[in-house]
Protein backbone atom coordinates (compact mmCIF):
# COMPACT_ATOMS: atom_id res chain seq x y z
CA MET A 1 -37.34 37.13 12.24
CA ALA A 2 -38.48 37.49 15.86
CA VAL A 3 -38.45 41.29 15.97
CA GLU A 4 -41.38 43.51 16.90
CA THR A 5 -42.17 46.20 14.36
CA ARG A 6 -43.12 48.86 16.92
CA VAL A 7 -40.50 51.61 16.58
CA LEU A 8 -39.29 53.04 19.89
CA ASP A 9 -37.19 55.90 18.49
CA ASP A 10 -36.00 57.08 15.10
CA ASP A 11 -34.55 53.82 13.86
CA CYS A 12 -34.27 51.26 16.68
CA VAL A 13 -36.52 48.30 17.44
CA PRO A 14 -36.47 45.75 20.28
CA ILE A 15 -34.79 42.47 19.48
CA SER A 16 -34.15 39.31 21.48
CA GLY A 17 -33.18 35.68 21.17
CA TRP A 18 -35.76 32.92 20.84
CA ALA A 19 -35.64 32.36 24.60
CA ARG A 20 -36.91 35.96 25.03
CA THR A 21 -34.20 36.87 27.52
CA SER A 22 -32.04 40.00 27.57
CA PRO A 23 -33.92 42.02 24.91
CA THR A 24 -32.00 44.96 23.44
CA LEU A 25 -32.48 47.73 20.89
CA ALA A 26 -30.83 47.69 17.48
CA ARG A 27 -31.06 49.31 14.07
CA VAL A 28 -32.51 46.60 11.84
CA ARG A 29 -31.73 46.81 8.15
CA ARG A 30 -33.35 44.51 5.59
CA PRO A 31 -31.09 44.18 2.55
CA ARG A 32 -32.57 42.67 -0.59
CA GLY A 33 -29.31 41.53 -2.14
CA SER A 34 -25.59 41.19 -1.63
CA ALA A 35 -24.90 44.76 -2.81
CA GLU A 36 -27.13 46.15 -0.06
CA VAL A 37 -25.44 43.89 2.50
CA ALA A 38 -22.05 45.28 1.45
CA ALA A 39 -23.38 48.84 1.62
CA ALA A 40 -24.63 48.28 5.16
CA LEU A 41 -21.18 47.09 6.22
CA ARG A 42 -19.51 50.09 4.58
CA ALA A 43 -21.81 52.42 6.53
CA GLY A 44 -19.60 51.76 9.56
CA ASP A 45 -21.89 51.67 12.58
CA PRO A 46 -19.80 52.51 15.69
CA ARG A 47 -21.36 49.51 17.47
CA GLY A 48 -20.71 47.21 14.54
CA ALA A 49 -23.03 45.05 12.47
CA LEU A 50 -24.28 41.47 12.55
CA ALA A 51 -26.29 39.22 10.23
CA ARG A 52 -29.46 37.62 11.58
CA GLY A 53 -31.84 35.08 10.09
CA LEU A 54 -35.17 33.94 11.52
CA GLY A 55 -34.23 34.67 15.13
CA ARG A 56 -34.04 31.08 16.40
CA ALA A 57 -30.73 31.47 18.24
CA TYR A 58 -31.82 31.16 21.87
CA GLY A 59 -29.46 33.61 23.56
CA ASP A 60 -27.62 36.74 22.47
CA ALA A 61 -25.65 35.32 19.52
CA ALA A 62 -27.86 37.18 16.99
CA GLN A 63 -28.22 40.44 18.95
CA ASN A 64 -26.17 43.63 18.66
CA ALA A 65 -27.29 46.16 21.25
CA GLY A 66 -27.15 49.70 19.92
CA GLY A 67 -25.65 48.58 16.62
CA THR A 68 -26.85 47.36 13.25
CA VAL A 69 -28.57 44.02 12.68
CA LEU A 70 -28.94 42.86 9.08
CA ASP A 71 -32.14 40.87 8.58
CA MET A 72 -31.03 38.43 5.88
CA THR A 73 -34.49 37.02 5.19
CA GLY A 74 -34.72 39.15 2.05
CA LEU A 75 -32.08 37.00 0.34
CA THR A 76 -34.34 34.05 -0.46
CA ARG A 77 -33.42 32.79 -3.92
CA ILE A 78 -32.63 29.18 -4.69
CA LEU A 79 -29.96 29.82 -7.31
CA ALA A 80 -29.25 26.35 -8.70
CA PHE A 81 -30.21 22.72 -8.26
CA ASP A 82 -28.24 19.82 -9.71
CA ALA A 83 -30.21 16.58 -9.34
CA ALA A 84 -27.45 14.44 -10.82
CA ALA A 85 -24.88 15.69 -8.31
CA GLY A 86 -27.38 16.12 -5.48
CA LEU A 87 -26.40 19.75 -4.87
CA VAL A 88 -28.34 22.94 -4.22
CA VAL A 89 -27.06 26.52 -4.21
CA CYS A 90 -29.14 29.05 -2.29
CA GLU A 91 -28.90 32.50 -0.76
CA ALA A 92 -28.28 32.71 2.97
CA GLY A 93 -31.79 33.90 3.83
CA VAL A 94 -33.54 30.83 2.45
CA SER A 95 -35.19 28.88 5.27
CA LEU A 96 -34.72 25.15 5.71
CA HIS A 97 -38.52 24.93 5.49
CA ARG A 98 -38.46 26.43 2.00
CA LEU A 99 -35.64 24.13 0.94
CA MET A 100 -37.63 21.12 2.12
CA THR A 101 -40.75 22.32 0.34
CA ALA A 102 -38.82 22.77 -2.91
CA LEU A 103 -36.60 19.69 -2.74
CA LEU A 104 -38.74 16.91 -1.27
CA PRO A 105 -40.99 16.62 -4.37
CA ARG A 106 -37.77 16.06 -6.35
CA GLY A 107 -36.65 13.23 -4.07
CA PHE A 108 -34.13 15.10 -1.93
CA PHE A 109 -33.98 16.06 1.74
CA LEU A 110 -31.57 18.00 3.92
CA PRO A 111 -28.75 15.80 5.23
CA VAL A 112 -28.97 17.47 8.65
CA THR A 113 -31.87 19.32 10.22
CA PRO A 114 -32.27 20.74 13.73
CA ALA A 115 -35.45 20.48 15.79
CA THR A 116 -36.92 23.44 13.90
CA ARG A 117 -37.05 23.93 10.14
CA TYR A 118 -37.45 27.72 10.58
CA VAL A 119 -33.72 28.38 10.40
CA THR A 120 -32.02 30.08 7.46
CA ALA A 121 -29.25 28.41 5.50
CA GLY A 122 -26.86 31.11 6.68
CA GLY A 123 -27.96 30.58 10.27
CA ALA A 124 -27.46 26.82 9.91
CA VAL A 125 -23.88 27.50 8.83
CA ALA A 126 -23.19 30.11 11.52
CA THR A 127 -24.37 27.77 14.28
CA ASP A 128 -23.34 24.52 12.54
CA VAL A 129 -26.66 22.93 13.44
CA HIS A 130 -27.00 19.23 14.21
CA GLY A 131 -29.82 16.72 14.34
CA GLY A 132 -30.67 13.35 15.79
CA ASN A 133 -28.65 11.65 13.04
CA HIS A 134 -25.32 13.15 14.12
CA PRO A 135 -23.51 9.84 14.79
CA GLY A 136 -23.82 8.97 11.11
CA ALA A 137 -24.29 12.31 9.36
CA GLY A 138 -22.30 14.78 11.46
CA SER A 139 -23.32 18.42 11.64
CA PHE A 140 -24.44 20.78 8.89
CA ALA A 141 -20.93 21.90 7.91
CA ARG A 142 -19.94 18.38 6.88
CA HIS A 143 -22.36 18.67 3.92
CA VAL A 144 -21.50 22.22 2.86
CA VAL A 145 -19.45 22.22 -0.36
CA ALA A 146 -18.76 25.96 -0.51
CA LEU A 147 -19.73 29.32 0.99
CA ASP A 148 -19.70 32.79 -0.50
CA LEU A 149 -18.70 35.03 2.39
CA LEU A 150 -18.65 38.82 2.56
CA THR A 151 -15.74 39.59 4.87
CA PRO A 152 -15.46 42.84 6.84
CA ASP A 153 -13.02 44.34 4.29
CA GLY A 154 -15.83 44.27 1.70
CA GLU A 155 -14.39 41.36 -0.28
CA VAL A 156 -16.51 38.36 -1.25
CA ARG A 157 -14.49 35.19 -0.62
CA THR A 158 -15.32 31.59 -1.38
CA ALA A 159 -14.69 29.39 1.65
CA VAL A 160 -14.34 25.65 1.06
CA PRO A 161 -13.84 22.73 3.45
CA GLY A 162 -10.31 22.23 4.69
CA THR A 163 -9.45 25.94 4.87
CA PRO A 164 -9.13 28.04 8.05
CA LEU A 165 -11.80 30.46 6.85
CA PHE A 166 -14.32 27.64 6.38
CA ASP A 167 -13.48 26.08 9.75
CA ALA A 168 -13.79 29.40 11.57
CA THR A 169 -17.04 30.32 9.80
CA THR A 170 -18.96 27.06 10.32
CA GLY A 171 -20.10 27.45 13.89
CA GLY A 172 -18.47 30.90 14.05
CA LEU A 173 -21.74 32.69 14.91
CA GLY A 174 -21.49 35.20 12.07
CA LEU A 175 -18.28 36.81 13.34
CA THR A 176 -15.93 36.01 10.43
CA GLY A 177 -18.13 37.40 7.67
CA ILE A 178 -21.66 37.47 6.32
CA VAL A 179 -22.70 34.33 4.47
CA LEU A 180 -24.24 35.25 1.12
CA THR A 181 -24.71 31.85 -0.53
CA VAL A 182 -24.45 28.20 0.52
CA THR A 183 -23.75 25.18 -1.68
CA LEU A 184 -25.12 22.09 0.05
CA ARG A 185 -24.92 18.38 -0.67
CA LEU A 186 -28.35 16.74 -0.32
CA LEU A 187 -29.73 13.39 0.79
CA ARG A 188 -31.76 11.28 -1.64
CA VAL A 189 -35.05 9.93 -0.28
CA GLU A 190 -37.95 7.95 -1.75
CA THR A 191 -40.74 9.22 0.52
CA SER A 192 -41.46 12.05 2.93
CA LEU A 193 -42.17 9.56 5.71
CA LEU A 194 -40.06 8.05 8.46
CA SER A 195 -40.30 4.50 9.77
CA VAL A 196 -40.31 5.02 13.54
CA ASP A 197 -39.53 2.70 16.44
CA THR A 198 -40.59 3.94 19.90
CA GLU A 199 -40.00 2.44 23.32
CA ARG A 200 -40.39 3.44 26.93
CA VAL A 201 -37.22 3.27 29.01
CA ARG A 202 -37.43 3.01 32.78
CA ASP A 203 -34.30 4.92 33.90
CA LEU A 204 -31.13 6.66 32.75
CA ASP A 205 -28.86 3.62 33.02
CA GLU A 206 -31.10 1.59 30.77
CA LEU A 207 -31.42 4.48 28.33
CA MET A 208 -27.68 4.96 27.96
CA ALA A 209 -27.15 1.22 27.60
CA ARG A 210 -29.69 1.08 24.78
CA LEU A 211 -28.20 4.09 23.03
CA ALA A 212 -24.65 2.84 23.42
CA GLY A 213 -25.49 -0.65 22.18
CA PRO A 214 -26.70 -1.79 18.77
CA PRO A 215 -30.24 -0.69 17.83
CA PRO A 216 -32.91 -3.38 18.07
CA ARG A 217 -33.70 -3.28 14.34
CA ARG A 218 -31.46 -2.68 11.34
CA ASP A 219 -32.01 -1.96 7.69
CA ALA A 220 -31.42 -4.65 5.09
CA ASP A 221 -27.91 -3.33 4.44
CA GLY A 222 -27.05 -3.53 8.14
CA ALA A 223 -26.95 0.23 8.69
CA PRO A 224 -28.36 1.45 12.02
CA PRO A 225 -31.33 3.84 12.11
CA PRO A 226 -30.02 7.33 11.32
CA TYR A 227 -32.11 9.27 13.87
CA GLU A 228 -32.06 8.65 17.64
CA ILE A 229 -33.72 10.99 20.14
CA ALA A 230 -34.59 10.38 23.79
CA ARG A 231 -36.96 12.66 25.72
CA ILE A 232 -36.26 12.48 29.45
CA ASP A 233 -38.68 13.34 32.24
CA PRO A 234 -36.62 15.92 34.21
CA LEU A 235 -38.86 15.65 37.30
CA ALA A 236 -38.51 11.89 37.80
CA ARG A 237 -36.32 10.99 40.77
CA GLY A 238 -35.09 7.94 42.62
CA ALA A 239 -35.30 4.66 40.74
CA ALA A 240 -37.17 6.40 37.89
CA MET A 241 -34.53 9.11 37.35
CA GLY A 242 -33.94 9.53 33.63
CA ARG A 243 -37.01 7.64 32.54
CA SER A 244 -37.65 8.50 28.95
CA VAL A 245 -39.19 7.75 25.59
CA LEU A 246 -36.62 6.67 23.02
CA VAL A 247 -37.37 7.26 19.34
CA ARG A 248 -35.38 5.72 16.51
CA ALA A 249 -36.31 6.54 12.93
CA ARG A 250 -35.13 6.00 9.38
CA HIS A 251 -36.29 7.34 6.01
CA ALA A 252 -38.98 5.00 4.72
CA PRO A 253 -38.37 3.55 1.23
CA TYR A 254 -41.30 3.46 -1.16
CA GLU A 255 -41.47 -0.32 -1.08
CA ALA A 256 -42.09 -0.20 2.68
CA LEU A 257 -45.41 1.64 2.23
CA PRO A 258 -48.46 -0.60 2.70
CA ARG A 259 -50.36 -1.32 -0.49
CA ARG A 260 -53.31 0.90 0.36
CA HIS A 261 -51.38 3.66 2.14
CA ARG A 262 -52.39 7.13 0.95
CA ALA A 263 -48.73 8.16 0.56
CA ARG A 264 -48.34 5.74 -2.37
CA ARG A 265 -50.16 8.28 -4.54
CA ALA A 266 -47.88 11.15 -3.49
CA PRO A 267 -44.90 9.61 -1.67
CA LEU A 268 -42.84 12.81 -1.63
CA ALA A 269 -45.52 15.27 -0.52
CA PHE A 270 -44.35 17.44 2.38
CA ARG A 271 -46.75 17.10 5.33
CA PRO A 272 -45.85 19.52 8.13
CA VAL A 273 -47.53 18.85 11.48
CA ARG A 274 -48.87 21.59 13.70
CA LEU A 275 -50.75 21.36 16.98
CA PRO A 276 -53.23 23.85 18.44
CA ALA A 277 -51.83 26.92 20.18
CA PRO A 278 -50.15 26.11 23.52
CA PRO A 279 -51.46 27.25 26.92
CA PRO A 280 -50.49 30.83 27.83
CA TYR A 281 -47.48 29.69 29.89
CA VAL A 282 -46.08 27.00 32.11
CA PRO A 283 -46.62 28.13 35.72
CA GLY A 284 -43.65 28.27 38.06
CA GLY A 285 -43.24 27.04 41.62
CA PRO A 286 -45.11 24.05 43.09
CA LEU A 287 -48.01 24.48 40.67
CA GLY A 288 -45.69 24.24 37.67
CA ARG A 289 -43.99 21.15 39.08
CA THR A 290 -47.38 19.54 39.70
CA VAL A 291 -48.69 20.33 36.22
CA LEU A 292 -45.54 19.18 34.46
CA GLY A 293 -45.18 16.18 36.74
CA LEU A 294 -48.66 14.98 35.83
CA ALA A 295 -48.01 15.74 32.16
CA GLY A 296 -44.73 13.82 32.30
CA GLU A 297 -46.43 10.83 33.93
CA PHE A 298 -49.16 10.85 31.30
CA ARG A 299 -46.66 11.27 28.45
CA HIS A 300 -44.53 8.39 29.69
CA ARG A 301 -47.43 6.00 30.18
CA ALA A 302 -49.53 7.07 27.20
CA GLY A 303 -46.94 6.00 24.66
CA PRO A 304 -46.57 2.35 23.72
CA ARG A 305 -44.10 0.24 25.63
CA ARG A 306 -42.69 -0.59 22.25
CA SER A 307 -43.84 0.05 18.70
CA THR A 308 -41.99 -0.79 15.51
CA GLY A 309 -42.13 0.55 11.98
CA ARG A 310 -44.84 3.17 12.45
CA LEU A 311 -44.94 5.51 9.43
CA ARG A 312 -44.94 9.20 10.39
CA PRO A 313 -44.36 12.47 8.51
CA LEU A 314 -40.83 13.82 8.65
CA SER A 315 -41.78 17.00 10.50
CA ALA A 316 -43.68 15.13 13.22
CA VAL A 317 -40.46 13.42 14.32
CA LEU A 318 -37.66 15.77 13.32
CA HIS A 319 -39.21 19.18 14.06
CA PRO A 320 -40.94 19.01 17.45
CA PHE A 321 -40.28 22.71 18.09
CA ASP A 322 -42.50 23.61 15.12
CA ALA A 323 -45.54 21.64 16.28
CA LEU A 324 -46.51 24.34 18.80
CA PRO A 325 -46.93 27.84 17.35
CA HIS A 326 -45.10 30.38 19.52
CA GLY A 327 -43.75 27.60 21.72
CA ASN A 328 -41.14 30.01 23.09
CA ARG A 329 -43.95 31.67 25.09
CA LEU A 330 -44.65 28.57 27.16
CA TYR A 331 -42.58 29.84 30.09
CA GLY A 332 -44.27 33.22 30.27
CA PRO A 333 -43.26 36.81 29.47
CA GLU A 334 -39.83 36.52 31.11
CA GLY A 335 -38.81 33.70 28.82
CA PHE A 336 -36.57 30.77 29.65
CA VAL A 337 -32.92 29.84 29.96
CA PRO A 338 -31.83 27.02 27.64
CA TYR A 339 -29.05 24.72 28.78
CA ARG A 340 -27.28 22.61 26.15
CA CYS A 341 -24.19 20.65 27.14
CA ALA A 342 -22.10 17.84 25.67
CA VAL A 343 -19.71 15.49 27.46
CA PRO A 344 -17.34 12.98 25.81
CA TYR A 345 -17.79 9.25 25.72
CA GLY A 346 -16.24 7.74 28.83
CA GLN A 347 -17.75 10.50 30.99
CA GLU A 348 -21.12 8.85 31.54
CA GLU A 349 -20.83 9.30 35.32
CA ALA A 350 -20.61 13.06 34.83
CA LEU A 351 -23.74 12.98 32.68
CA CYS A 352 -25.54 10.99 35.37
CA ARG A 353 -24.53 13.55 37.99
CA ILE A 354 -25.89 16.36 35.82
CA VAL A 355 -29.24 14.61 35.33
CA ARG A 356 -29.36 13.81 39.06
CA ARG A 357 -28.76 17.48 39.94
CA ILE A 358 -31.56 18.56 37.61
CA ALA A 359 -33.99 15.99 39.01
CA ALA A 360 -33.12 16.90 42.61
CA ARG A 361 -33.95 20.59 42.11
CA ARG A 362 -37.43 19.77 40.76
CA PHE A 363 -37.43 22.77 38.46
CA PRO A 364 -40.63 23.04 36.38
CA ALA A 365 -39.35 22.13 32.92
CA LEU A 366 -40.48 20.39 29.78
CA PRO A 367 -38.76 17.12 28.79
CA ALA A 368 -35.00 17.16 28.41
CA VAL A 369 -33.50 15.76 25.21
CA LEU A 370 -30.60 13.31 25.16
CA THR A 371 -28.83 12.43 21.92
CA ARG A 372 -25.49 10.98 20.88
CA PHE A 373 -22.82 12.77 18.88
CA GLY A 374 -20.42 11.17 16.45
CA GLU A 375 -17.23 12.59 15.03
CA ALA A 376 -16.74 16.32 15.58
CA GLY A 377 -17.02 18.61 12.56
CA PRO A 378 -14.41 21.08 11.33
CA GLY A 379 -15.86 24.18 13.01
CA TRP A 380 -13.54 25.67 15.63
CA LEU A 381 -16.48 26.82 17.77
CA SER A 382 -18.94 24.10 16.75
CA TYR A 383 -20.84 22.45 19.58
CA PRO A 384 -20.77 18.69 18.79
CA LEU A 385 -18.00 16.48 20.10
CA PRO A 386 -17.93 12.67 20.20
CA GLY A 387 -20.16 11.92 23.18
CA TRP A 388 -23.50 12.72 24.75
CA SER A 389 -25.61 15.86 24.36
CA LEU A 390 -28.23 16.94 26.89
CA GLY A 391 -30.57 19.89 26.47
CA LEU A 392 -33.41 21.37 28.49
CA ASP A 393 -35.13 24.71 29.09
CA LEU A 394 -35.65 26.29 32.51
CA PRO A 395 -37.91 29.23 33.38
CA THR A 396 -36.14 32.54 33.93
CA GLY A 397 -36.27 33.77 37.51
CA LEU A 398 -36.11 30.43 39.30
CA PRO A 399 -34.44 30.87 42.71
CA GLY A 400 -30.75 30.08 42.55
CA LEU A 401 -30.82 29.34 38.82
CA ALA A 402 -27.59 31.19 37.96
CA ALA A 403 -25.55 29.42 40.63
CA PHE A 404 -27.13 26.09 39.69
CA LEU A 405 -26.15 26.46 36.02
CA ASP A 406 -22.64 27.54 37.00
CA ALA A 407 -22.38 24.29 38.98
CA LEU A 408 -23.49 22.34 35.90
CA ASP A 409 -20.80 24.14 33.91
CA GLU A 410 -18.21 22.91 36.39
CA GLU A 411 -19.41 19.35 35.90
CA VAL A 412 -19.20 19.79 32.13
CA LEU A 413 -15.72 21.33 32.33
CA GLY A 414 -14.49 18.58 34.62
CA ALA A 415 -15.65 16.02 32.06
CA GLY A 416 -13.92 17.79 29.17
CA GLY A 417 -17.22 18.89 27.67
CA ARG A 418 -18.75 22.14 26.46
CA VAL A 419 -21.95 24.16 26.20
CA GLN A 420 -23.61 25.27 22.99
CA LEU A 421 -22.75 28.92 22.34
CA ALA A 422 -25.70 29.48 19.99
CA ALA A 423 -28.04 28.66 22.88
CA ASP A 424 -26.11 30.52 25.56
CA SER A 425 -26.69 33.82 27.33
CA ARG A 426 -24.82 33.34 30.63
CA VAL A 427 -21.71 31.13 30.53
CA ARG A 428 -18.48 32.64 31.94
CA PRO A 429 -15.72 33.71 29.48
CA ASP A 430 -13.05 31.68 31.29
CA ALA A 431 -15.19 28.56 30.95
CA VAL A 432 -15.52 29.06 27.18
CA ALA A 433 -11.75 29.23 26.77
CA ALA A 434 -11.46 25.82 28.44
CA MET A 435 -14.33 24.31 26.46
CA PHE A 436 -13.13 25.24 22.96
CA PRO A 437 -9.42 24.46 22.38
CA ARG A 438 -9.38 26.31 19.02
CA LEU A 439 -10.67 29.55 20.52
CA ALA A 440 -7.24 31.22 20.31
CA ASP A 441 -7.05 30.35 16.60
CA PHE A 442 -10.53 31.76 16.08
CA ARG A 443 -9.63 35.02 17.80
CA ALA A 444 -6.42 35.35 15.77
CA LEU A 445 -8.16 34.77 12.44
CA ARG A 446 -10.93 37.17 13.39
CA ALA A 447 -8.42 39.86 14.34
CA ALA A 448 -6.69 39.48 10.97
CA LEU A 449 -9.96 39.55 9.01
CA ASP A 450 -11.65 42.29 11.00
CA PRO A 451 -9.14 44.57 12.73
CA GLY A 452 -11.75 47.32 13.01
CA ALA A 453 -14.29 45.03 14.71
CA VAL A 454 -16.93 45.65 12.05
CA LEU A 455 -18.78 42.43 12.94
CA ARG A 456 -19.94 42.30 16.54
CA SER A 457 -22.66 40.75 18.67
CA ASP A 458 -23.75 40.85 22.26
CA LEU A 459 -22.32 37.36 22.66
CA SER A 460 -18.95 38.33 21.13
CA ARG A 461 -18.64 41.24 23.55
CA ARG A 462 -19.71 39.16 26.55
CA LEU A 463 -17.28 36.33 25.82
CA ALA A 464 -14.51 38.36 24.15
CA LEU A 465 -14.70 36.27 21.00
């Protein structure tokens, strides 16, 4: 959990999102079991209570200024594992990293994983996380079989797919109840390696054409590669706008390992990848643009024009955010503003306009990420919709940043798209109502479950959720 331990008064500590913006003070409680979670809710803090995992929500979704925040990382038991059915039951505070460490040696992997494995199972449900395999796998909720949920009335309910409570909770940002346990369907794998295809792409049009068309290589059964991620140079303009490195990857079967490959002796060993500590921060202004521009040029040219079938550890491809310790400090003490937006298929011109606006402003920023989404999941406030997803981080304090992001919101709204609430700290409430057509249903169910507003967050107050 990203909370400093220095106490400022009797029982409050500073707390912020991963982007390090808008820090607040809250009373942090650390329950060690479901009974202590229920007791904390019964205590009735006037500012409400909220569950929090490892603090990887970028904005204010896991903050509760002046209220109670329940650090769920004490609930870390893996309660049951059924290899025959491919199911695991765990407490909400178990991290995806721990699940991978426990399950990979048994030949199982998570069906969906975000760009960091340091997310709790409860947090993955509350934000309905997605990965680069969304077109085929969907988001996290699609693989959840059941949830044990402590609702604000103190009752523990089991939420299952196809019910309003499940649909409101998956992606519901912890506002319908506190997840206690998660039953998850797993993916069978033969190795802890991915077979990776990489290619340089010269501009945005070519990139979208390659992503929209069939992949260049298919498995023996004809299935496309399950993971597709493109990293775009946000500073490239003109004919090079949208130039990128496109990565496609699939789980490597044991028979694909070369005869003398070291992984043949331990094909399911988990091999996390970490890089040295990052530089203190990315400088702003012209210096930052120069540094990142040179880095982007080097990154684009250093990679192969095309490579096929390279074997790489899972974490090296799927968890880029974990390669740099304290990577959220790259933009300096003021943090950064994440922008995550999705637009439907058929709105490619809107996506091009958004990328063009970003390139024209020449903001110092690390590579943007473009992925495709498949069918939307059941969550009423879940982010994915069938279409394109673009994400990048921008330093806080850039001149005109707020107005610029509002203009991007208008582009997204005009295209029938949405922003990711779990990454947000600044979108307008009226925009959210237009982006999420089930918002009225969510508010109604929440009002029925929690008439006393026991569960609250800074985001719920800001957006009137």
